[in-house]
C-alpha atoms as a PDB file:
ATOM      1  CA  ARG A   1     -12.170 -15.982  34.716  1.00  0.00           C
ATOM      2  CA  GLU A   2      -8.446 -15.415  34.324  1.00  0.00           C
ATOM      3  CA  ARG A   3      -8.334 -17.651  31.260  1.00  0.00           C
ATOM      4  CA  GLU A   4     -11.277 -15.803  29.775  1.00  0.00           C
ATOM      5  CA  ARG A   5      -9.432 -12.481  30.089  1.00  0.00           C
ATOM      6  CA  GLU A   6      -6.305 -14.029  28.642  1.00  0.00           C
ATOM      7  CA  ARG A   7      -8.242 -15.265  25.606  1.00  0.00           C
ATOM      8  CA  GLU A   8      -9.825 -11.836  25.189  1.00  0.00           C
ATOM      9  CA  ARG A   9      -6.385 -10.173  25.189  1.00  0.00           C
ATOM     10  CA  GLU A  10      -5.127 -12.716  22.691  1.00  0.00           C
ATOM     11  CA  ARG A  11      -8.038 -11.958  20.356  1.00  0.00           C
ATOM     12  CA  GLU A  12      -7.395  -8.243  20.745  1.00  0.00           C
ATOM     13  CA  ARG A  13      -3.732  -8.705  19.789  1.00  0.00           C
ATOM     14  CA  GLU A  14      -4.777 -10.798  16.804  1.00  0.00           C
ATOM     15  CA  ARG A  15      -7.138  -8.064  15.606  1.00  0.00           C
ATOM     16  CA  GLU A  16      -4.378  -5.483  16.057  1.00  0.00           C
ATOM     17  CA  ARG A  17      -1.997  -7.545  13.919  1.00  0.00           C
ATOM     18  CA  GLU A  18      -4.682  -7.940  11.283  1.00  0.00           C
ATOM     19  CA  ARG A  19      -5.226  -4.168  11.148  1.00  0.00           C
ATOM     20  CA  GLU A  20      -1.473  -3.651  10.870  1.00  0.00           C
ATOM     21  CA  ARG A  21      -1.290  -6.039   7.914  1.00  0.00           C
ATOM     22  CA  GLU A  22      -4.216  -4.255   6.274  1.00  0.00           C
ATOM     23  CA  ARG A  23      -2.471  -0.882   6.620  1.00  0.00           C
ATOM     24  CA  GLU A  24       0.714  -2.388   5.177  1.00  0.00           C
ATOM     25  CA  ARG A  25      -1.197  -3.681   2.140  1.00  0.00           C
ATOM     26  CA  GLU A  26      -2.819  -0.263   1.705  1.00  0.00           C
ATOM     27  CA  ARG A  27       0.610   1.426   1.674  1.00  0.00           C
ATOM     28  CA  GLU A  28       1.831  -1.110  -0.882  1.00  0.00           C
ATOM     29  CA  ARG A  29      -1.118  -0.370  -3.171  1.00  0.00           C
ATOM     30  CA  GLU A  30      -0.476   3.368  -2.763  1.00  0.00           C
ATOM     31  CA  ARG A  31       3.165   2.968  -3.810  1.00  0.00           C
ATOM     32  CA  GLU A  32       2.098   0.875  -6.777  1.00  0.00           C
ATOM     33  CA  ARG A  33      -0.316   3.604  -7.917  1.00  0.00           C
ATOM     34  CA  GLU A  34       2.383   6.263  -7.607  1.00  0.00           C
ATOM     35  CA  ARG A  35       4.760   4.149  -9.663  1.00  0.00           C
ATOM     36  CA  ILE A  36       2.148   3.705 -12.415  1.00  0.00           C
ATOM     37  CA  VAL A  37       1.373   7.433 -12.513  1.00  0.00           C
ATOM     38  CA  PHE A  38       5.076   8.292 -12.637  1.00  0.00           C
ATOM     39  CA  CYS A  39       5.547   5.824 -15.483  1.00  0.00           C
ATOM     40  CA  LYS A  40       2.717   7.369 -17.503  1.00  0.00           C
ATOM     41  CA  VAL A  41       4.095  10.871 -16.979  1.00  0.00           C
ATOM     42  CA  GLU A  42       7.549   9.728 -18.045  1.00  0.00           C
ATOM     43  CA  CYS A  43       6.075   8.062 -21.135  1.00  0.00           C
ATOM     44  CA  VAL A  44       4.221  11.209 -22.186  1.00  0.00           C
ATOM     45  CA  PHE A  45       7.363  13.273 -21.612  1.00  0.00           C
ATOM     46  CA  LEU A  46       9.398  10.929 -23.824  1.00  0.00           C
ATOM     47  CA  VAL A  47       6.796  11.041 -26.586  1.00  0.00           C
ATOM     48  CA  VAL A  48       6.757  14.869 -26.483  1.00  0.00           C
ATOM     49  CA  VAL A  49      10.567  15.017 -26.629  1.00  0.00           C
ATOM     50  CA  ILE A  50      10.652  12.610 -29.574  1.00  0.00           C
ATOM     51  CA  VAL A  51       7.972  14.585 -31.434  1.00  0.00           C
ATOM     52  CA  VAL A  52       9.790  17.885 -30.810  1.00  0.00           C
ATOM     53  CA  VAL A  53      13.121  16.430 -31.961  1.00  0.00           C
ATOM     54  CA  ILE A  54      11.503  15.110 -35.162  1.00  0.00           C
END
């Protein structure tokens, strides 16, 4: 019985770690998206400035 409980706890911890990794990946993807959006905005801004200067 004791071993059974121990295994159950171990599985629970494993699932918890897996969820944590998943959240970490999600945050990484979010940052990546923000970077891409920022880059596009910066690009458009540069193009506008160049057009206005010319």
